[in-house]
Amino acid sequence: MRVLASGALLAMMFSPSAPASAQAFGNWTVGGGQGYVEYIVRSGPGNSFNISCDVGASLEGEEKKTSIFVEIVGRAPPPKSQVQVFLDGASVQLFADAQGLISTGCHSCSDNFAFLWAKARKSKQMIISLSDGRSATFQLNGAAKALTPKHCTTGFES
């Protein structure tokens, strides 16, 4: 019964016109709708880390709009800034665009996304540090169940 329910949830999440739905895995919430699957972990009020996987929002032949959105103390990273992510001793440097989104559309962006995804599945804690001095610590309980073994398709890979 549980496998059937999970399969039904995945089918809804991967359908571009499906209504939004969500499921909790430890500290993570996974939900889908309108061609995206979102993986979100929060840490207190105003702190969230959101991976938005484009699973049908883009038209065939278009670049996937898979991205990461970080909110620390209720605000996105400063435009065109560095975002440092620490995962149980490892680190990866990401870059926010003019809107504060972290794209996966370049080669290094895609590689960093794949590294972050794999490392987050195995880590217990993630610290996000922004260039303006804001930071937040996220507990990653449930990440191995929330995040699939293979990361979602990045903008560069599409």
Protein backbone atom coordinates (compact mmCIF):
# COMPACT_ATOMS: atom_id res chain seq x y z
CA MET A 1 0.00 0.00 0.00
CA ARG A 2 2.82 2.42 0.87
CA VAL A 3 4.56 1.76 -2.47
CA LEU A 4 1.34 2.47 -4.33
CA ALA A 5 0.82 5.73 -2.44
CA SER A 6 4.42 6.84 -3.10
CA GLY A 7 4.06 5.94 -6.78
CA ALA A 8 0.85 7.95 -7.00
CA LEU A 9 2.56 10.94 -5.37
CA LEU A 10 5.46 10.72 -7.82
CA ALA A 11 3.08 10.47 -10.76
CA MET A 12 1.31 13.63 -9.61
CA MET A 13 4.58 15.47 -9.02
CA PHE A 14 5.91 14.68 -12.48
CA SER A 15 2.75 15.72 -14.28
CA PRO A 16 3.04 19.32 -15.53
CA SER A 17 -0.62 20.07 -14.85
CA ALA A 18 -0.94 18.23 -11.54
CA PRO A 19 -2.13 20.12 -8.49
CA ALA A 20 0.42 20.83 -5.77
CA SER A 21 1.03 18.04 -3.26
CA ALA A 22 3.59 17.54 -0.50
CA GLN A 23 5.14 14.82 1.62
CA ALA A 24 7.48 15.10 4.63
CA PHE A 25 10.75 13.19 5.04
CA GLY A 26 12.32 14.16 8.37
CA ASN A 27 13.11 17.88 8.09
CA TRP A 28 12.45 17.92 4.34
CA THR A 29 9.24 18.62 2.47
CA VAL A 30 8.90 17.38 -1.10
CA GLY A 31 6.07 18.68 -3.22
CA GLY A 32 5.16 19.08 -6.82
CA GLY A 33 2.99 20.95 -9.22
CA GLN A 34 3.03 22.92 -12.47
CA GLY A 35 6.02 20.99 -13.83
CA TYR A 36 8.29 21.30 -10.79
CA VAL A 37 9.28 19.12 -7.85
CA GLU A 38 10.48 21.15 -4.89
CA TYR A 39 12.72 19.87 -2.12
CA ILE A 40 12.66 22.21 0.87
CA VAL A 41 14.40 22.19 4.24
CA ARG A 42 13.78 24.94 6.80
CA SER A 43 15.56 26.14 9.91
CA GLY A 44 13.52 28.47 12.07
CA PRO A 45 11.51 31.40 10.80
CA GLY A 46 12.76 32.97 7.58
CA ASN A 47 15.43 30.38 6.75
CA SER A 48 14.85 27.95 3.90
CA PHE A 49 16.78 26.05 1.25
CA ASN A 50 14.68 25.15 -1.79
CA ILE A 51 15.72 23.02 -4.75
CA SER A 52 13.24 23.42 -7.63
CA CYS A 53 13.57 20.65 -10.21
CA ASP A 54 12.08 21.30 -13.63
CA VAL A 55 10.37 18.03 -14.53
CA GLY A 56 8.02 19.40 -17.15
CA ALA A 57 7.80 23.18 -16.81
CA SER A 58 10.08 23.77 -19.82
CA LEU A 59 9.04 22.94 -23.33
CA GLU A 60 10.93 20.21 -25.18
CA GLY A 61 14.26 21.55 -26.39
CA GLU A 62 14.32 24.39 -23.85
CA GLU A 63 16.86 24.61 -21.06
CA LYS A 64 15.56 23.14 -17.79
CA LYS A 65 14.82 25.79 -15.18
CA THR A 66 16.15 23.72 -12.28
CA SER A 67 17.44 26.11 -9.61
CA ILE A 68 18.11 26.67 -5.92
CA PHE A 69 16.51 29.41 -3.86
CA VAL A 70 17.94 30.28 -0.45
CA GLU A 71 16.28 32.52 2.09
CA ILE A 72 18.18 33.58 5.21
CA VAL A 73 16.44 35.83 7.75
CA GLY A 74 13.59 36.23 5.28
CA ARG A 75 15.70 37.50 2.38
CA ALA A 76 17.37 36.01 -0.69
CA PRO A 77 21.13 36.31 -1.22
CA PRO A 78 22.32 39.69 -2.49
CA PRO A 79 22.15 39.92 -6.31
CA LYS A 80 25.17 38.50 -8.14
CA SER A 81 26.82 37.20 -4.98
CA GLN A 82 28.59 34.13 -3.67
CA VAL A 83 26.74 31.56 -1.57
CA GLN A 84 28.98 29.23 0.43
CA VAL A 85 27.51 25.85 1.42
CA PHE A 86 29.18 23.64 4.03
CA LEU A 87 28.06 20.01 4.28
CA ASP A 88 29.66 17.97 7.08
CA GLY A 89 33.15 19.29 6.42
CA ALA A 90 32.91 19.64 2.63
CA SER A 91 32.10 22.92 0.95
CA VAL A 92 30.84 24.15 -2.38
CA GLN A 93 30.61 27.69 -3.68
CA LEU A 94 27.48 28.68 -5.57
CA PHE A 95 26.56 31.97 -7.25
CA ALA A 96 23.29 33.88 -7.00
CA ASP A 97 22.09 35.70 -10.11
CA ALA A 98 20.59 39.21 -10.30
CA GLN A 99 17.34 37.90 -8.74
CA GLY A 100 19.10 35.94 -5.98
CA LEU A 101 18.44 32.53 -7.62
CA ILE A 102 21.16 29.92 -8.02
CA SER A 103 21.09 28.57 -11.57
CA THR A 104 22.17 25.17 -12.87
CA GLY A 105 22.59 26.36 -16.46
CA CYS A 106 26.39 26.44 -16.74
CA HIS A 107 28.90 23.58 -16.64
CA SER A 108 30.35 24.43 -13.21
CA CYS A 109 26.85 25.29 -11.92
CA SER A 110 25.65 21.83 -12.94
CA ASP A 111 28.69 20.10 -11.42
CA ASN A 112 28.29 22.01 -8.15
CA PHE A 113 24.58 21.13 -8.07
CA ALA A 114 25.33 17.42 -8.55
CA PHE A 115 27.98 17.54 -5.79
CA LEU A 116 25.65 19.38 -3.41
CA TRP A 117 22.78 16.93 -4.09
CA ALA A 118 24.93 13.84 -3.47
CA LYS A 119 26.59 15.31 -0.38
CA ALA A 120 23.28 16.55 1.11
CA ARG A 121 21.85 13.01 0.88
CA LYS A 122 24.63 11.75 3.17
CA SER A 123 25.20 14.75 5.46
CA LYS A 124 23.69 15.55 8.81
CA GLN A 125 24.04 19.32 8.66
CA MET A 126 24.32 22.11 6.10
CA ILE A 127 25.48 25.64 6.80
CA ILE A 128 24.69 28.37 4.28
CA SER A 129 26.84 31.50 4.45
CA LEU A 130 25.99 34.55 2.34
CA SER A 131 28.37 37.28 1.18
CA ASP A 132 26.59 39.89 3.32
CA GLY A 133 27.34 37.95 6.53
CA ARG A 134 23.99 36.21 7.01
CA SER A 135 24.13 32.49 7.69
CA ALA A 136 21.89 29.64 8.80
CA THR A 137 22.36 26.02 9.83
CA PHE A 138 20.01 23.34 8.49
CA GLN A 139 19.61 19.85 9.95
CA LEU A 140 19.34 17.38 7.06
CA ASN A 141 17.38 14.56 8.73
CA GLY A 142 15.45 12.71 6.02
CA ALA A 143 17.56 13.98 3.10
CA ALA A 144 18.48 10.45 1.96
CA LYS A 145 14.78 9.65 1.56
CA ALA A 146 13.66 13.03 0.22
CA LEU A 147 16.40 13.45 -2.40
CA THR A 148 16.48 10.70 -5.01
CA PRO A 149 19.82 8.90 -5.62
CA LYS A 150 20.23 10.67 -9.00
CA HIS A 151 19.91 14.45 -8.97
CA CYS A 152 17.32 16.06 -11.20
CA THR A 153 18.27 17.33 -14.65
CA THR A 154 20.09 20.64 -14.56
CA GLY A 155 19.84 23.50 -17.03
CA PHE A 156 23.26 22.60 -18.42
CA GLU A 157 22.36 18.93 -18.90
CA SER A 158 19.12 19.66 -20.76
